[in-house]
Amino acid sequence: MNKPTRSEILDTAKEYVTKDRASQHGDMESNLTMIANLWSVFLETKIEPHQVGVCMTLLKIARIKSTPENVDHWEDSCGYMACGGELIAKKPVPVKVAKFQGGNT
């Protein structure tokens, strides 16, 4: 098993999100916007495109729980966060402060 460094993980993630993948996956912004629209309809709540990046990262974190040695999860997590970060930088949205419901704090 390859034991990549943090630099190698970031380099791979950068390669994934900066090379031309539009021919295979479509434009990143359009793609995350479409996913956000579909999730919004299905979940009956507004999902922003940058939140898709966060949610996809959470999916990868869930996979890390099962197979932490799979470097793909770590690389993809970095890539999804970078995409979300780029989108929120282009089009900031108002911050919503969520109130914790349940349990003792």
PDB file of N, CA and C in Angstrom:
ATOM      1  N   MET A   1       0.846  -1.189   0.000  1.00  0.00           N
ATOM      2  CA  MET A   1       0.000   0.000   0.000  1.00  0.00           C
ATOM      3  C   MET A   1       0.882   1.240   0.000  1.00  0.00           C
ATOM      4  N   ASN A   2       0.581   2.161  -0.881  1.00  0.00           N
ATOM      5  CA  ASN A   2       1.286   3.427  -0.939  1.00  0.00           C
ATOM      6  C   ASN A   2       0.973   4.247   0.309  1.00  0.00           C
ATOM      7  N   LYS A   3       1.976   4.907   0.861  1.00  0.00           N
ATOM      8  CA  LYS A   3       1.772   5.758   2.032  1.00  0.00           C
ATOM      9  C   LYS A   3       2.045   7.201   1.627  1.00  0.00           C
ATOM     10  N   PRO A   4       1.032   7.862   1.065  1.00  0.00           N
ATOM     11  CA  PRO A   4       1.244   9.216   0.559  1.00  0.00           C
ATOM     12  C   PRO A   4       1.420  10.235   1.683  1.00  0.00           C
ATOM     13  N   THR A   5       2.157  11.284   1.379  1.00  0.00           N
ATOM     14  CA  THR A   5       2.305  12.391   2.316  1.00  0.00           C
ATOM     15  C   THR A   5       1.131  13.347   2.141  1.00  0.00           C
ATOM     16  N   ARG A   6       0.966  14.255   3.083  1.00  0.00           N
ATOM     17  CA  ARG A   6      -0.122  15.242   2.965  1.00  0.00           C
ATOM     18  C   ARG A   6       0.057  16.085   1.706  1.00  0.00           C
ATOM     19  N   SER A   7       1.309  16.366   1.364  1.00  0.00           N
ATOM     20  CA  SER A   7       1.582  17.129   0.147  1.00  0.00           C
ATOM     21  C   SER A   7       1.129  16.362  -1.093  1.00  0.00           C
ATOM     22  N   GLU A   8       1.385  15.069  -1.130  1.00  0.00           N
ATOM     23  CA  GLU A   8       0.970  14.246  -2.271  1.00  0.00           C
ATOM     24  C   GLU A   8      -0.550  14.153  -2.360  1.00  0.00           C
ATOM     25  N   ILE A   9      -1.211  14.049  -1.219  1.00  0.00           N
ATOM     26  CA  ILE A   9      -2.679  14.004  -1.209  1.00  0.00           C
ATOM     27  C   ILE A   9      -3.236  15.304  -1.781  1.00  0.00           C
ATOM     28  N   LEU A  10      -2.691  16.432  -1.328  1.00  0.00           N
ATOM     29  CA  LEU A  10      -3.150  17.725  -1.836  1.00  0.00           C
ATOM     30  C   LEU A  10      -2.818  17.907  -3.317  1.00  0.00           C
ATOM     31  N   ASP A  11      -1.642  17.450  -3.730  1.00  0.00           N
ATOM     32  CA  ASP A  11      -1.267  17.546  -5.145  1.00  0.00           C
ATOM     33  C   ASP A  11      -2.224  16.749  -6.025  1.00  0.00           C
ATOM     34  N   THR A  12      -2.578  15.552  -5.575  1.00  0.00           N
ATOM     35  CA  THR A  12      -3.509  14.721  -6.344  1.00  0.00           C
ATOM     36  C   THR A  12      -4.880  15.375  -6.403  1.00  0.00           C
ATOM     37  N   ALA A  13      -5.349  15.890  -5.262  1.00  0.00           N
ATOM     38  CA  ALA A  13      -6.642  16.574  -5.238  1.00  0.00           C
ATOM     39  C   ALA A  13      -6.621  17.778  -6.174  1.00  0.00           C
ATOM     40  N   LYS A  14      -5.532  18.532  -6.153  1.00  0.00           N
ATOM     41  CA  LYS A  14      -5.413  19.700  -7.033  1.00  0.00           C
ATOM     42  C   LYS A  14      -5.461  19.283  -8.494  1.00  0.00           C
ATOM     43  N   GLU A  15      -4.776  18.202  -8.810  1.00  0.00           N
ATOM     44  CA  GLU A  15      -4.798  17.701 -10.191  1.00  0.00           C
ATOM     45  C   GLU A  15      -6.224  17.340 -10.601  1.00  0.00           C
ATOM     46  N   TYR A  16      -6.946  16.674  -9.708  1.00  0.00           N
ATOM     47  CA  TYR A  16      -8.315  16.266 -10.023  1.00  0.00           C
ATOM     48  C   TYR A  16      -9.223  17.462 -10.291  1.00  0.00           C
ATOM     49  N   VAL A  17      -9.103  18.518  -9.494  1.00  0.00           N
ATOM     50  CA  VAL A  17     -10.059  19.623  -9.614  1.00  0.00           C
ATOM     51  C   VAL A  17      -9.616  20.731 -10.555  1.00  0.00           C
ATOM     52  N   THR A  18      -8.363  20.695 -11.021  1.00  0.00           N
ATOM     53  CA  THR A  18      -7.914  21.762 -11.913  1.00  0.00           C
ATOM     54  C   THR A  18      -7.707  21.312 -13.354  1.00  0.00           C
ATOM     55  N   LYS A  19      -7.538  20.013 -13.573  1.00  0.00           N
ATOM     56  CA  LYS A  19      -7.395  19.584 -14.966  1.00  0.00           C
ATOM     57  C   LYS A  19      -8.773  19.556 -15.618  1.00  0.00           C
ATOM     58  N   ASP A  20      -8.795  19.486 -16.917  1.00  0.00           N
ATOM     59  CA  ASP A  20     -10.066  19.530 -17.634  1.00  0.00           C
ATOM     60  C   ASP A  20     -10.835  18.234 -17.446  1.00  0.00           C
ATOM     61  N   ARG A  21     -11.795  18.283 -16.538  1.00  0.00           N
ATOM     62  CA  ARG A  21     -12.672  17.132 -16.325  1.00  0.00           C
ATOM     63  C   ARG A  21     -14.074  17.432 -16.844  1.00  0.00           C
ATOM     64  N   ALA A  22     -14.252  18.623 -17.409  1.00  0.00           N
ATOM     65  CA  ALA A  22     -15.575  19.015 -17.890  1.00  0.00           C
ATOM     66  C   ALA A  22     -16.089  18.079 -18.970  1.00  0.00           C
ATOM     67  N   SER A  23     -15.189  17.560 -19.794  1.00  0.00           N
ATOM     68  CA  SER A  23     -15.634  16.655 -20.855  1.00  0.00           C
ATOM     69  C   SER A  23     -16.202  15.359 -20.283  1.00  0.00           C
ATOM     70  N   GLN A  24     -15.729  14.974 -19.099  1.00  0.00           N
ATOM     71  CA  GLN A  24     -16.214  13.740 -18.477  1.00  0.00           C
ATOM     72  C   GLN A  24     -17.356  13.992 -17.497  1.00  0.00           C
ATOM     73  N   HIS A  25     -17.239  15.072 -16.699  1.00  0.00           N
ATOM     74  CA  HIS A  25     -18.204  15.307 -15.625  1.00  0.00           C
ATOM     75  C   HIS A  25     -19.039  16.566 -15.797  1.00  0.00           C
ATOM     76  N   GLY A  26     -18.734  17.390 -16.779  1.00  0.00           N
ATOM     77  CA  GLY A  26     -19.406  18.668 -16.934  1.00  0.00           C
ATOM     78  C   GLY A  26     -18.707  19.745 -16.117  1.00  0.00           C
ATOM     79  N   ASP A  27     -19.066  20.992 -16.382  1.00  0.00           N
ATOM     80  CA  ASP A  27     -18.503  22.132 -15.668  1.00  0.00           C
ATOM     81  C   ASP A  27     -18.788  22.011 -14.175  1.00  0.00           C
ATOM     82  N   MET A  28     -17.769  22.248 -13.342  1.00  0.00           N
ATOM     83  CA  MET A  28     -17.909  22.061 -11.894  1.00  0.00           C
ATOM     84  C   MET A  28     -19.047  22.893 -11.317  1.00  0.00           C
ATOM     85  N   GLU A  29     -19.078  24.179 -11.639  1.00  0.00           N
ATOM     86  CA  GLU A  29     -20.105  25.041 -11.067  1.00  0.00           C
ATOM     87  C   GLU A  29     -21.501  24.625 -11.526  1.00  0.00           C
ATOM     88  N   SER A  30     -21.653  24.343 -12.802  1.00  0.00           N
ATOM     89  CA  SER A  30     -22.951  23.893 -13.320  1.00  0.00           C
ATOM     90  C   SER A  30     -23.365  22.571 -12.691  1.00  0.00           C
ATOM     91  N   ASN A  31     -22.398  21.686 -12.527  1.00  0.00           N
ATOM     92  CA  ASN A  31     -22.669  20.374 -11.959  1.00  0.00           C
ATOM     93  C   ASN A  31     -23.137  20.485 -10.507  1.00  0.00           C
ATOM     94  N   LEU A  32     -22.406  21.254  -9.693  1.00  0.00           N
ATOM     95  CA  LEU A  32     -22.796  21.388  -8.287  1.00  0.00           C
ATOM     96  C   LEU A  32     -24.104  22.156  -8.144  1.00  0.00           C
ATOM     97  N   THR A  33     -24.363  23.090  -9.066  1.00  0.00           N
ATOM     98  CA  THR A  33     -25.639  23.810  -9.051  1.00  0.00           C
ATOM     99  C   THR A  33     -26.790  22.862  -9.378  1.00  0.00           C
ATOM    100  N   MET A  34     -26.605  21.997 -10.362  1.00  0.00           N
ATOM    101  CA  MET A  34     -27.641  21.021 -10.711  1.00  0.00           C
ATOM    102  C   MET A  34     -27.902  20.073  -9.542  1.00  0.00           C
ATOM    103  N   ILE A  35     -26.845  19.594  -8.917  1.00  0.00           N
ATOM    104  CA  ILE A  35     -27.005  18.709  -7.756  1.00  0.00           C
ATOM    105  C   ILE A  35     -27.748  19.445  -6.646  1.00  0.00           C
ATOM    106  N   ALA A  36     -27.375  20.699  -6.386  1.00  0.00           N
ATOM    107  CA  ALA A  36     -28.048  21.488  -5.347  1.00  0.00           C
ATOM    108  C   ALA A  36     -29.532  21.637  -5.657  1.00  0.00           C
ATOM    109  N   ASN A  37     -29.869  21.894  -6.909  1.00  0.00           N
ATOM    110  CA  ASN A  37     -31.276  22.034  -7.295  1.00  0.00           C
ATOM    111  C   ASN A  37     -32.043  20.727  -7.099  1.00  0.00           C
ATOM    112  N   LEU A  38     -31.447  19.620  -7.503  1.00  0.00           N
ATOM    113  CA  LEU A  38     -32.105  18.320  -7.333  1.00  0.00           C
ATOM    114  C   LEU A  38     -32.290  17.983  -5.859  1.00  0.00           C
ATOM    115  N   TRP A  39     -31.245  18.199  -5.065  1.00  0.00           N
ATOM    116  CA  TRP A  39     -31.349  17.924  -3.626  1.00  0.00           C
ATOM    117  C   TRP A  39     -32.388  18.835  -2.974  1.00  0.00           C
ATOM    118  N   SER A  40     -32.456  20.095  -3.425  1.00  0.00           N
ATOM    119  CA  SER A  40     -33.430  21.037  -2.865  1.00  0.00           C
ATOM    120  C   SER A  40     -34.855  20.546  -3.074  1.00  0.00           C
ATOM    121  N   VAL A  41     -35.133  20.057  -4.271  1.00  0.00           N
ATOM    122  CA  VAL A  41     -36.472  19.533  -4.559  1.00  0.00           C
ATOM    123  C   VAL A  41     -36.739  18.299  -3.712  1.00  0.00           C
ATOM    124  N   PHE A  42     -35.804  17.371  -3.699  1.00  0.00           N
ATOM    125  CA  PHE A  42     -35.997  16.118  -2.980  1.00  0.00           C
ATOM    126  C   PHE A  42     -36.112  16.335  -1.474  1.00  0.00           C
ATOM    127  N   LEU A  43     -35.275  17.193  -0.920  1.00  0.00           N
ATOM    128  CA  LEU A  43     -35.253  17.408   0.532  1.00  0.00           C
ATOM    129  C   LEU A  43     -36.232  18.481   0.991  1.00  0.00           C
ATOM    130  N   GLU A  44     -36.836  19.172   0.030  1.00  0.00           N
ATOM    131  CA  GLU A  44     -37.795  20.239   0.317  1.00  0.00           C
ATOM    132  C   GLU A  44     -37.186  21.328   1.196  1.00  0.00           C
ATOM    133  N   THR A  45     -35.937  21.660   0.920  1.00  0.00           N
ATOM    134  CA  THR A  45     -35.236  22.758   1.589  1.00  0.00           C
ATOM    135  C   THR A  45     -34.158  23.265   0.642  1.00  0.00           C
ATOM    136  N   LYS A  46     -33.860  24.535   0.722  1.00  0.00           N
ATOM    137  CA  LYS A  46     -32.890  25.137  -0.204  1.00  0.00           C
ATOM    138  C   LYS A  46     -31.470  24.655   0.107  1.00  0.00           C
ATOM    139  N   ILE A  47     -30.826  24.090  -0.899  1.00  0.00           N
ATOM    140  CA  ILE A  47     -29.429  23.668  -0.814  1.00  0.00           C
ATOM    141  C   ILE A  47     -28.642  24.555  -1.768  1.00  0.00           C
ATOM    142  N   GLU A  48     -27.570  25.138  -1.284  1.00  0.00           N
ATOM    143  CA  GLU A  48     -26.704  25.981  -2.111  1.00  0.00           C
ATOM    144  C   GLU A  48     -25.615  25.119  -2.754  1.00  0.00           C
ATOM    145  N   PRO A  49     -25.135  25.514  -3.924  1.00  0.00           N
ATOM    146  CA  PRO A  49     -24.095  24.726  -4.594  1.00  0.00           C
ATOM    147  C   PRO A  49     -22.858  24.463  -3.738  1.00  0.00           C
ATOM    148  N   HIS A  50     -22.421  25.457  -2.957  1.00  0.00           N
ATOM    149  CA  HIS A  50     -21.237  25.223  -2.120  1.00  0.00           C
ATOM    150  C   HIS A  50     -21.505  24.161  -1.054  1.00  0.00           C
ATOM    151  N   GLN A  51     -22.775  24.035  -0.638  1.00  0.00           N
ATOM    152  CA  GLN A  51     -23.129  23.026   0.361  1.00  0.00           C
ATOM    153  C   GLN A  51     -23.011  21.616  -0.203  1.00  0.00           C
ATOM    154  N   VAL A  52     -23.145  21.478  -1.506  1.00  0.00           N
ATOM    155  CA  VAL A  52     -22.944  20.173  -2.135  1.00  0.00           C
ATOM    156  C   VAL A  52     -21.509  19.719  -1.891  1.00  0.00           C
ATOM    157  N   GLY A  53     -20.558  20.640  -2.032  1.00  0.00           N
ATOM    158  CA  GLY A  53     -19.162  20.307  -1.745  1.00  0.00           C
ATOM    159  C   GLY A  53     -18.976  19.823  -0.318  1.00  0.00           C
ATOM    160  N   VAL A  54     -19.635  20.490   0.619  1.00  0.00           N
ATOM    161  CA  VAL A  54     -19.547  20.087   2.030  1.00  0.00           C
ATOM    162  C   VAL A  54     -20.183  18.714   2.228  1.00  0.00           C
ATOM    163  N   CYS A  55     -21.364  18.517   1.664  1.00  0.00           N
ATOM    164  CA  CYS A  55     -22.059  17.233   1.839  1.00  0.00           C
ATOM    165  C   CYS A  55     -21.304  16.081   1.188  1.00  0.00           C
ATOM    166  N   MET A  56     -20.714  16.324   0.038  1.00  0.00           N
ATOM    167  CA  MET A  56     -19.918  15.270  -0.594  1.00  0.00           C
ATOM    168  C   MET A  56     -18.684  14.958   0.243  1.00  0.00           C
ATOM    169  N   THR A  57     -18.126  15.979   0.891  1.00  0.00           N
ATOM    170  CA  THR A  57     -17.009  15.752   1.811  1.00  0.00           C
ATOM    171  C   THR A  57     -17.468  14.889   2.979  1.00  0.00           C
ATOM    172  N   LEU A  58     -18.658  15.160   3.498  1.00  0.00           N
ATOM    173  CA  LEU A  58     -19.192  14.344   4.596  1.00  0.00           C
ATOM    174  C   LEU A  58     -19.389  12.896   4.161  1.00  0.00           C
ATOM    175  N   LEU A  59     -19.803  12.697   2.908  1.00  0.00           N
ATOM    176  CA  LEU A  59     -19.912  11.340   2.378  1.00  0.00           C
ATOM    177  C   LEU A  59     -18.546  10.655   2.424  1.00  0.00           C
ATOM    178  N   LYS A  60     -17.517  11.378   2.004  1.00  0.00           N
ATOM    179  CA  LYS A  60     -16.164  10.808   2.024  1.00  0.00           C
ATOM    180  C   LYS A  60     -15.702  10.543   3.456  1.00  0.00           C
ATOM    181  N   ILE A  61     -16.075  11.411   4.388  1.00  0.00           N
ATOM    182  CA  ILE A  61     -15.733  11.185   5.797  1.00  0.00           C
ATOM    183  C   ILE A  61     -16.404   9.916   6.299  1.00  0.00           C
ATOM    184  N   ALA A  62     -17.644   9.687   5.894  1.00  0.00           N
ATOM    185  CA  ALA A  62     -18.328   8.444   6.278  1.00  0.00           C
ATOM    186  C   ALA A  62     -17.591   7.234   5.720  1.00  0.00           C
ATOM    187  N   ARG A  63     -17.097   7.348   4.507  1.00  0.00           N
ATOM    188  CA  ARG A  63     -16.334   6.242   3.919  1.00  0.00           C
ATOM    189  C   ARG A  63     -14.999   6.048   4.632  1.00  0.00           C
ATOM    190  N   ILE A  64     -14.402   7.149   5.074  1.00  0.00           N
ATOM    191  CA  ILE A  64     -13.149   7.059   5.836  1.00  0.00           C
ATOM    192  C   ILE A  64     -13.365   6.251   7.108  1.00  0.00           C
ATOM    193  N   LYS A  65     -14.537   6.369   7.691  1.00  0.00           N
ATOM    194  CA  LYS A  65     -14.865   5.598   8.905  1.00  0.00           C
ATOM    195  C   LYS A  65     -14.725   4.104   8.636  1.00  0.00           C
ATOM    196  N   SER A  66     -15.132   3.665   7.445  1.00  0.00           N
ATOM    197  CA  SER A  66     -15.068   2.240   7.094  1.00  0.00           C
ATOM    198  C   SER A  66     -13.705   1.816   6.578  1.00  0.00           C
ATOM    199  N   THR A  67     -13.116   2.640   5.730  1.00  0.00           N
ATOM    200  CA  THR A  67     -11.827   2.276   5.116  1.00  0.00           C
ATOM    201  C   THR A  67     -10.882   3.474   5.127  1.00  0.00           C
ATOM    202  N   PRO A  68     -10.326   3.794   6.291  1.00  0.00           N
ATOM    203  CA  PRO A  68      -9.463   4.974   6.404  1.00  0.00           C
ATOM    204  C   PRO A  68      -8.178   4.886   5.590  1.00  0.00           C
ATOM    205  N   GLU A  69      -7.778   3.694   5.226  1.00  0.00           N
ATOM    206  CA  GLU A  69      -6.536   3.527   4.464  1.00  0.00           C
ATOM    207  C   GLU A  69      -6.708   3.833   2.977  1.00  0.00           C
ATOM    208  N   ASN A  70      -7.941   4.009   2.520  1.00  0.00           N
ATOM    209  CA  ASN A  70      -8.193   4.298   1.107  1.00  0.00           C
ATOM    210  C   ASN A  70      -7.909   5.777   0.832  1.00  0.00           C
ATOM    211  N   VAL A  71      -6.780   6.044   0.223  1.00  0.00           N
ATOM    212  CA  VAL A  71      -6.331   7.423  -0.002  1.00  0.00           C
ATOM    213  C   VAL A  71      -7.300   8.213  -0.879  1.00  0.00           C
ATOM    214  N   ASP A  72      -8.062   7.543  -1.722  1.00  0.00           N
ATOM    215  CA  ASP A  72      -9.041   8.206  -2.582  1.00  0.00           C
ATOM    216  C   ASP A  72     -10.017   9.048  -1.768  1.00  0.00           C
ATOM    217  N   HIS A  73     -10.443   8.546  -0.612  1.00  0.00           N
ATOM    218  CA  HIS A  73     -11.382   9.295   0.235  1.00  0.00           C
ATOM    219  C   HIS A  73     -10.769  10.621   0.675  1.00  0.00           C
ATOM    220  N   TRP A  74      -9.506  10.580   1.057  1.00  0.00           N
ATOM    221  CA  TRP A  74      -8.810  11.777   1.537  1.00  0.00           C
ATOM    222  C   TRP A  74      -8.616  12.779   0.393  1.00  0.00           C
ATOM    223  N   GLU A  75      -8.226  12.278  -0.763  1.00  0.00           N
ATOM    224  CA  GLU A  75      -8.015  13.147  -1.926  1.00  0.00           C
ATOM    225  C   GLU A  75      -9.323  13.796  -2.366  1.00  0.00           C
ATOM    226  N   ASP A  76     -10.368  12.993  -2.473  1.00  0.00           N
ATOM    227  CA  ASP A  76     -11.658  13.523  -2.912  1.00  0.00           C
ATOM    228  C   ASP A  76     -12.208  14.542  -1.923  1.00  0.00           C
ATOM    229  N   SER A  77     -12.013  14.303  -0.620  1.00  0.00           N
ATOM    230  CA  SER A  77     -12.471  15.258   0.395  1.00  0.00           C
ATOM    231  C   SER A  77     -11.848  16.626   0.165  1.00  0.00           C
ATOM    232  N   CYS A  78     -10.549  16.641  -0.085  1.00  0.00           N
ATOM    233  CA  CYS A  78      -9.853  17.909  -0.360  1.00  0.00           C
ATOM    234  C   CYS A  78     -10.426  18.576  -1.607  1.00  0.00           C
ATOM    235  N   GLY A  79     -10.670  17.788  -2.631  1.00  0.00           N
ATOM    236  CA  GLY A  79     -11.200  18.326  -3.880  1.00  0.00           C
ATOM    237  C   GLY A  79     -12.589  18.917  -3.727  1.00  0.00           C
ATOM    238  N   TYR A  80     -13.473  18.215  -3.031  1.00  0.00           N
ATOM    239  CA  TYR A  80     -14.832  18.726  -2.825  1.00  0.00           C
ATOM    240  C   TYR A  80     -14.817  20.027  -2.027  1.00  0.00           C
ATOM    241  N   MET A  81     -13.968  20.097  -1.003  1.00  0.00           N
ATOM    242  CA  MET A  81     -13.891  21.318  -0.209  1.00  0.00           C
ATOM    243  C   MET A  81     -13.338  22.475  -1.037  1.00  0.00           C
ATOM    244  N   ALA A  82     -12.375  22.195  -1.899  1.00  0.00           N
ATOM    245  CA  ALA A  82     -11.826  23.244  -2.761  1.00  0.00           C
ATOM    246  C   ALA A  82     -12.897  23.782  -3.711  1.00  0.00           C
ATOM    247  N   CYS A  83     -13.695  22.897  -4.268  1.00  0.00           N
ATOM    248  CA  CYS A  83     -14.771  23.322  -5.171  1.00  0.00           C
ATOM    249  C   CYS A  83     -15.795  24.166  -4.422  1.00  0.00           C
ATOM    250  N   GLY A  84     -16.204  23.710  -3.253  1.00  0.00           N
ATOM    251  CA  GLY A  84     -17.148  24.479  -2.443  1.00  0.00           C
ATOM    252  C   GLY A  84     -16.581  25.835  -2.057  1.00  0.00           C
ATOM    253  N   GLY A  85     -15.303  25.858  -1.693  1.00  0.00           N
ATOM    254  CA  GLY A  85     -14.656  27.112  -1.323  1.00  0.00           C
ATOM    255  C   GLY A  85     -14.606  28.102  -2.473  1.00  0.00           C
ATOM    256  N   GLU A  86     -14.338  27.605  -3.663  1.00  0.00           N
ATOM    257  CA  GLU A  86     -14.319  28.485  -4.840  1.00  0.00           C
ATOM    258  C   GLU A  86     -15.702  29.065  -5.103  1.00  0.00           C
ATOM    259  N   LEU A  87     -16.729  28.237  -4.977  1.00  0.00           N
ATOM    260  CA  LEU A  87     -18.087  28.711  -5.240  1.00  0.00           C
ATOM    261  C   LEU A  87     -18.527  29.756  -4.226  1.00  0.00           C
ATOM    262  N   ILE A  88     -18.245  29.549  -2.955  1.00  0.00           N
ATOM    263  CA  ILE A  88     -18.680  30.505  -1.934  1.00  0.00           C
ATOM    264  C   ILE A  88     -17.898  31.807  -2.057  1.00  0.00           C
ATOM    265  N   ALA A  89     -16.657  31.728  -2.523  1.00  0.00           N
ATOM    266  CA  ALA A  89     -15.871  32.950  -2.736  1.00  0.00           C
ATOM    267  C   ALA A  89     -16.448  33.775  -3.886  1.00  0.00           C
ATOM    268  N   LYS A  90     -16.984  33.091  -4.909  1.00  0.00           N
ATOM    269  CA  LYS A  90     -17.584  33.778  -6.057  1.00  0.00           C
ATOM    270  C   LYS A  90     -18.919  34.413  -5.701  1.00  0.00           C
ATOM    271  N   LYS A  91     -19.692  33.697  -4.878  1.00  0.00           N
ATOM    272  CA  LYS A  91     -21.055  34.139  -4.585  1.00  0.00           C
ATOM    273  C   LYS A  91     -21.366  33.865  -3.114  1.00  0.00           C
ATOM    274  N   PRO A  92     -20.933  34.787  -2.234  1.00  0.00           N
ATOM    275  CA  PRO A  92     -21.201  34.585  -0.805  1.00  0.00           C
ATOM    276  C   PRO A  92     -22.707  34.541  -0.524  1.00  0.00           C
ATOM    277  N   VAL A  93     -23.079  33.770   0.461  1.00  0.00           N
ATOM    278  CA  VAL A  93     -24.477  33.691   0.883  1.00  0.00           C
ATOM    279  C   VAL A  93     -24.550  34.106   2.344  1.00  0.00           C
ATOM    280  N   PRO A  94     -25.703  34.627   2.770  1.00  0.00           N
ATOM    281  CA  PRO A  94     -25.835  35.024   4.170  1.00  0.00           C
ATOM    282  C   PRO A  94     -25.609  33.834   5.108  1.00  0.00           C
ATOM    283  N   VAL A  95     -24.982  34.119   6.225  1.00  0.00           N
ATOM    284  CA  VAL A  95     -24.726  33.080   7.221  1.00  0.00           C
ATOM    285  C   VAL A  95     -25.995  32.839   8.019  1.00  0.00           C
ATOM    286  N   LYS A  96     -26.361  31.581   8.163  1.00  0.00           N
ATOM    287  CA  LYS A  96     -27.508  31.201   8.979  1.00  0.00           C
ATOM    288  C   LYS A  96     -26.969  30.550  10.236  1.00  0.00           C
ATOM    289  N   VAL A  97     -27.362  31.061  11.377  1.00  0.00           N
ATOM    290  CA  VAL A  97     -26.910  30.491  12.638  1.00  0.00           C
ATOM    291  C   VAL A  97     -27.925  29.445  13.070  1.00  0.00           C
ATOM    292  N   ALA A  98     -27.477  28.208  13.125  1.00  0.00           N
ATOM    293  CA  ALA A  98     -28.359  27.111  13.527  1.00  0.00           C
ATOM    294  C   ALA A  98     -28.355  26.993  15.040  1.00  0.00           C
ATOM    295  N   LYS A  99     -29.506  26.717  15.576  1.00  0.00           N
ATOM    296  CA  LYS A  99     -29.608  26.482  17.012  1.00  0.00           C
ATOM    297  C   LYS A  99     -29.570  24.991  17.254  1.00  0.00           C
ATOM    298  N   PHE A 100     -28.774  24.599  18.208  1.00  0.00           N
ATOM    299  CA  PHE A 100     -28.672  23.188  18.560  1.00  0.00           C
ATOM    300  C   PHE A 100     -29.976  22.754  19.202  1.00  0.00           C
ATOM    301  N   GLN A 101     -30.535  21.666  18.691  1.00  0.00           N
ATOM    302  CA  GLN A 101     -31.791  21.160  19.236  1.00  0.00           C
ATOM    303  C   GLN A 101     -31.573  19.764  19.779  1.00  0.00           C
ATOM    304  N   GLY A 102     -31.727  19.617  21.060  1.00  0.00           N
ATOM    305  CA  GLY A 102     -31.605  18.301  21.667  1.00  0.00           C
ATOM    306  C   GLY A 102     -30.318  18.135  22.434  1.00  0.00           C
ATOM    307  N   GLY A 103     -30.347  17.269  23.388  1.00  0.00           N
ATOM    308  CA  GLY A 103     -29.158  16.962  24.178  1.00  0.00           C
ATOM    309  C   GLY A 103     -28.774  18.095  25.107  1.00  0.00           C
ATOM    310  N   ASN A 104     -27.883  17.787  26.000  1.00  0.00           N
ATOM    311  CA  ASN A 104     -27.372  18.795  26.920  1.00  0.00           C
ATOM    312  C   ASN A 104     -26.099  19.396  26.350  1.00  0.00           C
ATOM    313  N   THR A 105     -25.938  20.694  26.524  1.00  0.00           N
ATOM    314  CA  THR A 105     -24.712  21.340  26.036  1.00  0.00           C
ATOM    315  C   THR A 105     -23.889  21.854  27.176  1.00  0.00           C
TER     316      THR A 105
END
